[in-house]
Amino acid sequence: MPSSHLFNRLAKWASRASGRPLAFVLALSVVLVWILTGPLFGFSDTWQLVINTGTTIVTFLMVFLIQNAQNRDTEAIQLKLDELIRATRGAHNALLDLEELEEQELDAFRLRYVALAKAARECRASDETDRGTPEVD
């Protein structure tokens, strides 16, 4: 999949480059040049169309770059969390890869942890400890 690899490399580079101060200065410069050329073009419809078209195209492309970066970051975080769960004694390996479950299965896990949190808050209210690793059914 060379095209996928090329896209990933390009997306990484573009997302890093677009997040730098120089990219902001460049974008600001383009807008300032556009504003300054307004009187030269009589603030015409074509003059307005140039900035509208340019910003629309840039925005459209940035959506894909942002989504790609977000997907990579999310996947990396999930893998790190999975490794922490796997390496922690007493942790439930059933929690690995939760993001792949259906909504109903996630809701069942969520309800178990809501019950644990409620029990912990009740312990704190009665000066009992809310620490430890109670079992999740």
C-alpha atoms as a PDB file:
ATOM      1  CA  MET A   1       0.000   0.000   0.000  1.00  0.00           C
ATOM      2  CA  PRO A   2       2.455   2.664  -1.073  1.00  0.00           C
ATOM      3  CA  SER A   3      -0.258   5.300  -1.632  1.00  0.00           C
ATOM      4  CA  SER A   4      -1.543   4.841   1.939  1.00  0.00           C
ATOM      5  CA  HIS A   5       2.002   5.151   3.283  1.00  0.00           C
ATOM      6  CA  LEU A   6       2.564   8.265   1.167  1.00  0.00           C
ATOM      7  CA  PHE A   7      -0.699   9.804   2.397  1.00  0.00           C
ATOM      8  CA  ASN A   8       0.241   9.106   6.039  1.00  0.00           C
ATOM      9  CA  ARG A   9       3.652  10.703   5.601  1.00  0.00           C
ATOM     10  CA  LEU A  10       2.154  13.704   3.824  1.00  0.00           C
ATOM     11  CA  ALA A  11      -0.588  14.053   6.432  1.00  0.00           C
ATOM     12  CA  LYS A  12       1.927  13.917   9.299  1.00  0.00           C
ATOM     13  CA  TRP A  13       4.104  16.526   7.670  1.00  0.00           C
ATOM     14  CA  ALA A  14       1.168  18.808   6.820  1.00  0.00           C
ATOM     15  CA  SER A  15      -0.391  18.559  10.270  1.00  0.00           C
ATOM     16  CA  ARG A  16       2.934  19.378  11.930  1.00  0.00           C
ATOM     17  CA  ALA A  17       3.615  22.235   9.533  1.00  0.00           C
ATOM     18  CA  SER A  18       0.130  23.727   9.803  1.00  0.00           C
ATOM     19  CA  GLY A  19       0.317  23.734  13.590  1.00  0.00           C
ATOM     20  CA  ARG A  20       3.393  25.936  13.724  1.00  0.00           C
ATOM     21  CA  PRO A  21       3.423  29.710  14.275  1.00  0.00           C
ATOM     22  CA  LEU A  22       4.895  30.251  10.811  1.00  0.00           C
ATOM     23  CA  ALA A  23       1.781  28.721   9.233  1.00  0.00           C
ATOM     24  CA  PHE A  24      -0.409  31.174  11.156  1.00  0.00           C
ATOM     25  CA  VAL A  25       1.781  34.101  10.097  1.00  0.00           C
ATOM     26  CA  LEU A  26       1.573  32.930   6.480  1.00  0.00           C
ATOM     27  CA  ALA A  27      -2.235  32.646   6.635  1.00  0.00           C
ATOM     28  CA  LEU A  28      -2.497  36.051   8.293  1.00  0.00           C
ATOM     29  CA  SER A  29      -0.239  37.509   5.600  1.00  0.00           C
ATOM     30  CA  VAL A  30      -2.470  36.118   2.861  1.00  0.00           C
ATOM     31  CA  VAL A  31      -5.524  37.719   4.479  1.00  0.00           C
ATOM     32  CA  LEU A  32      -3.717  41.045   4.897  1.00  0.00           C
ATOM     33  CA  VAL A  33      -2.576  41.037   1.268  1.00  0.00           C
ATOM     34  CA  TRP A  34      -6.147  40.253   0.228  1.00  0.00           C
ATOM     35  CA  ILE A  35      -7.484  43.141   2.332  1.00  0.00           C
ATOM     36  CA  LEU A  36      -4.866  45.543   0.992  1.00  0.00           C
ATOM     37  CA  THR A  37      -5.667  44.602  -2.616  1.00  0.00           C
ATOM     38  CA  GLY A  38      -9.362  45.360  -2.063  1.00  0.00           C
ATOM     39  CA  PRO A  39      -9.158  48.985  -3.224  1.00  0.00           C
ATOM     40  CA  LEU A  40      -7.023  47.938  -6.191  1.00  0.00           C
ATOM     41  CA  PHE A  41      -9.819  45.617  -7.392  1.00  0.00           C
ATOM     42  CA  GLY A  42     -12.616  47.903  -6.260  1.00  0.00           C
ATOM     43  CA  PHE A  43     -13.779  45.388  -3.646  1.00  0.00           C
ATOM     44  CA  SER A  44     -15.327  43.485  -6.542  1.00  0.00           C
ATOM     45  CA  ASP A  45     -17.214  40.209  -6.421  1.00  0.00           C
ATOM     46  CA  THR A  46     -14.210  38.493  -8.002  1.00  0.00           C
ATOM     47  CA  TRP A  47     -11.952  39.896  -5.269  1.00  0.00           C
ATOM     48  CA  GLN A  48     -14.290  38.451  -2.616  1.00  0.00           C
ATOM     49  CA  LEU A  49     -14.610  35.174  -4.504  1.00  0.00           C
ATOM     50  CA  VAL A  50     -10.830  34.673  -4.394  1.00  0.00           C
ATOM     51  CA  ILE A  51     -10.673  34.621  -0.583  1.00  0.00           C
ATOM     52  CA  ASN A  52     -13.906  32.642  -0.258  1.00  0.00           C
ATOM     53  CA  THR A  53     -12.716  29.960  -2.655  1.00  0.00           C
ATOM     54  CA  GLY A  54      -9.245  29.805  -1.149  1.00  0.00           C
ATOM     55  CA  THR A  55     -10.463  29.485   2.424  1.00  0.00           C
ATOM     56  CA  THR A  56     -13.062  26.900   1.449  1.00  0.00           C
ATOM     57  CA  ILE A  57     -10.461  24.723  -0.266  1.00  0.00           C
ATOM     58  CA  VAL A  58      -8.000  25.017   2.626  1.00  0.00           C
ATOM     59  CA  THR A  59     -10.727  24.245   5.166  1.00  0.00           C
ATOM     60  CA  PHE A  60     -11.912  21.229   3.172  1.00  0.00           C
ATOM     61  CA  LEU A  61      -8.397  19.774   2.998  1.00  0.00           C
ATOM     62  CA  MET A  62      -7.625  20.550   6.640  1.00  0.00           C
ATOM     63  CA  VAL A  63     -10.631  18.512   7.765  1.00  0.00           C
ATOM     64  CA  PHE A  64      -8.974  15.384   6.380  1.00  0.00           C
ATOM     65  CA  LEU A  65      -5.596  16.246   7.862  1.00  0.00           C
ATOM     66  CA  ILE A  66      -7.090  16.925  11.292  1.00  0.00           C
ATOM     67  CA  GLN A  67      -9.094  13.702  11.196  1.00  0.00           C
ATOM     68  CA  ASN A  68      -6.024  11.709  10.188  1.00  0.00           C
ATOM     69  CA  ALA A  69      -3.966  13.213  13.006  1.00  0.00           C
ATOM     70  CA  GLN A  70      -6.798  12.609  15.480  1.00  0.00           C
ATOM     71  CA  ASN A  71      -7.138   8.984  14.365  1.00  0.00           C
ATOM     72  CA  ARG A  72      -3.399   8.381  14.809  1.00  0.00           C
ATOM     73  CA  ASP A  73      -3.351  10.032  18.229  1.00  0.00           C
ATOM     74  CA  THR A  74      -6.410   8.141  19.417  1.00  0.00           C
ATOM     75  CA  GLU A  75      -5.021   4.813  18.241  1.00  0.00           C
ATOM     76  CA  ALA A  76      -1.678   5.466  19.938  1.00  0.00           C
ATOM     77  CA  ILE A  77      -3.379   6.443  23.204  1.00  0.00           C
ATOM     78  CA  GLN A  78      -5.575   3.336  23.063  1.00  0.00           C
ATOM     79  CA  LEU A  79      -2.552   1.111  22.562  1.00  0.00           C
ATOM     80  CA  LYS A  80      -0.760   2.742  25.482  1.00  0.00           C
ATOM     81  CA  LEU A  81      -3.810   2.313  27.703  1.00  0.00           C
ATOM     82  CA  ASP A  82      -4.160  -1.300  26.596  1.00  0.00           C
ATOM     83  CA  GLU A  83      -0.537  -1.904  27.564  1.00  0.00           C
ATOM     84  CA  LEU A  84      -1.075  -0.317  30.985  1.00  0.00           C
ATOM     85  CA  ILE A  85      -4.101  -2.534  31.581  1.00  0.00           C
ATOM     86  CA  ARG A  86      -2.204  -5.603  30.396  1.00  0.00           C
ATOM     87  CA  ALA A  87       0.810  -4.859  32.586  1.00  0.00           C
ATOM     88  CA  THR A  88      -1.106  -3.931  35.753  1.00  0.00           C
ATOM     89  CA  ARG A  89      -1.576  -6.745  38.235  1.00  0.00           C
ATOM     90  CA  GLY A  90      -5.237  -7.151  39.076  1.00  0.00           C
ATOM     91  CA  ALA A  91      -6.435  -5.198  36.060  1.00  0.00           C
ATOM     92  CA  HIS A  92      -9.160  -6.753  33.975  1.00  0.00           C
ATOM     93  CA  ASN A  93      -7.905  -7.763  30.557  1.00  0.00           C
ATOM     94  CA  ALA A  94     -11.527  -7.731  29.399  1.00  0.00           C
ATOM     95  CA  LEU A  95     -11.135  -3.945  29.267  1.00  0.00           C
ATOM     96  CA  LEU A  96      -8.565  -4.215  26.500  1.00  0.00           C
ATOM     97  CA  ASP A  97      -9.798  -2.992  23.142  1.00  0.00           C
ATOM     98  CA  LEU A  98     -13.104  -1.626  24.504  1.00  0.00           C
ATOM     99  CA  GLU A  99     -13.316   0.825  21.625  1.00  0.00           C
ATOM    100  CA  GLU A 100     -14.150  -2.101  19.344  1.00  0.00           C
ATOM    101  CA  LEU A 101     -17.266  -3.141  21.303  1.00  0.00           C
ATOM    102  CA  GLU A 102     -20.838  -2.394  20.346  1.00  0.00           C
ATOM    103  CA  GLU A 103     -22.670   0.366  22.205  1.00  0.00           C
ATOM    104  CA  GLN A 104     -24.697  -2.088  24.313  1.00  0.00           C
ATOM    105  CA  GLU A 105     -21.560  -3.875  25.487  1.00  0.00           C
ATOM    106  CA  LEU A 106     -19.922  -0.553  26.361  1.00  0.00           C
ATOM    107  CA  ASP A 107     -23.027   0.481  28.301  1.00  0.00           C
ATOM    108  CA  ALA A 108     -22.820  -2.733  30.358  1.00  0.00           C
ATOM    109  CA  PHE A 109     -19.198  -1.967  31.305  1.00  0.00           C
ATOM    110  CA  ARG A 110     -20.073   1.655  32.019  1.00  0.00           C
ATOM    111  CA  LEU A 111     -22.866   0.628  34.399  1.00  0.00           C
ATOM    112  CA  ARG A 112     -20.459  -1.576  36.351  1.00  0.00           C
ATOM    113  CA  TYR A 113     -18.053   1.311  36.828  1.00  0.00           C
ATOM    114  CA  VAL A 114     -20.842   3.733  37.702  1.00  0.00           C
ATOM    115  CA  ALA A 115     -21.847   1.324  40.481  1.00  0.00           C
ATOM    116  CA  LEU A 116     -18.230   1.151  41.718  1.00  0.00           C
ATOM    117  CA  ALA A 117     -17.971   4.952  41.771  1.00  0.00           C
ATOM    118  CA  LYS A 118     -21.257   5.249  43.655  1.00  0.00           C
ATOM    119  CA  ALA A 119     -20.084   2.717  46.238  1.00  0.00           C
ATOM    120  CA  ALA A 120     -16.787   4.605  46.635  1.00  0.00           C
ATOM    121  CA  ARG A 121     -18.613   7.900  47.213  1.00  0.00           C
ATOM    122  CA  GLU A 122     -20.783   6.223  49.844  1.00  0.00           C
ATOM    123  CA  CYS A 123     -17.638   4.912  51.580  1.00  0.00           C
ATOM    124  CA  ARG A 124     -16.170   8.428  51.696  1.00  0.00           C
ATOM    125  CA  ALA A 125     -19.389   9.777  53.192  1.00  0.00           C
ATOM    126  CA  SER A 126     -19.145   7.270  56.046  1.00  0.00           C
ATOM    127  CA  ASP A 127     -15.384   7.856  56.563  1.00  0.00           C
ATOM    128  CA  GLU A 128     -14.522   4.474  55.098  1.00  0.00           C
ATOM    129  CA  THR A 129     -11.798   4.182  52.549  1.00  0.00           C
ATOM    130  CA  ASP A 130     -12.710   4.335  48.881  1.00  0.00           C
ATOM    131  CA  ARG A 131      -9.362   2.952  47.798  1.00  0.00           C
ATOM    132  CA  GLY A 132      -8.527  -0.462  46.540  1.00  0.00           C
ATOM    133  CA  THR A 133      -9.422  -2.557  43.579  1.00  0.00           C
ATOM    134  CA  PRO A 134     -12.871  -3.990  44.044  1.00  0.00           C
ATOM    135  CA  GLU A 135     -13.803  -6.689  41.615  1.00  0.00           C
ATOM    136  CA  VAL A 136     -15.861  -5.856  38.548  1.00  0.00           C
ATOM    137  CA  ASP A 137     -18.440  -8.532  37.842  1.00  0.00           C
END
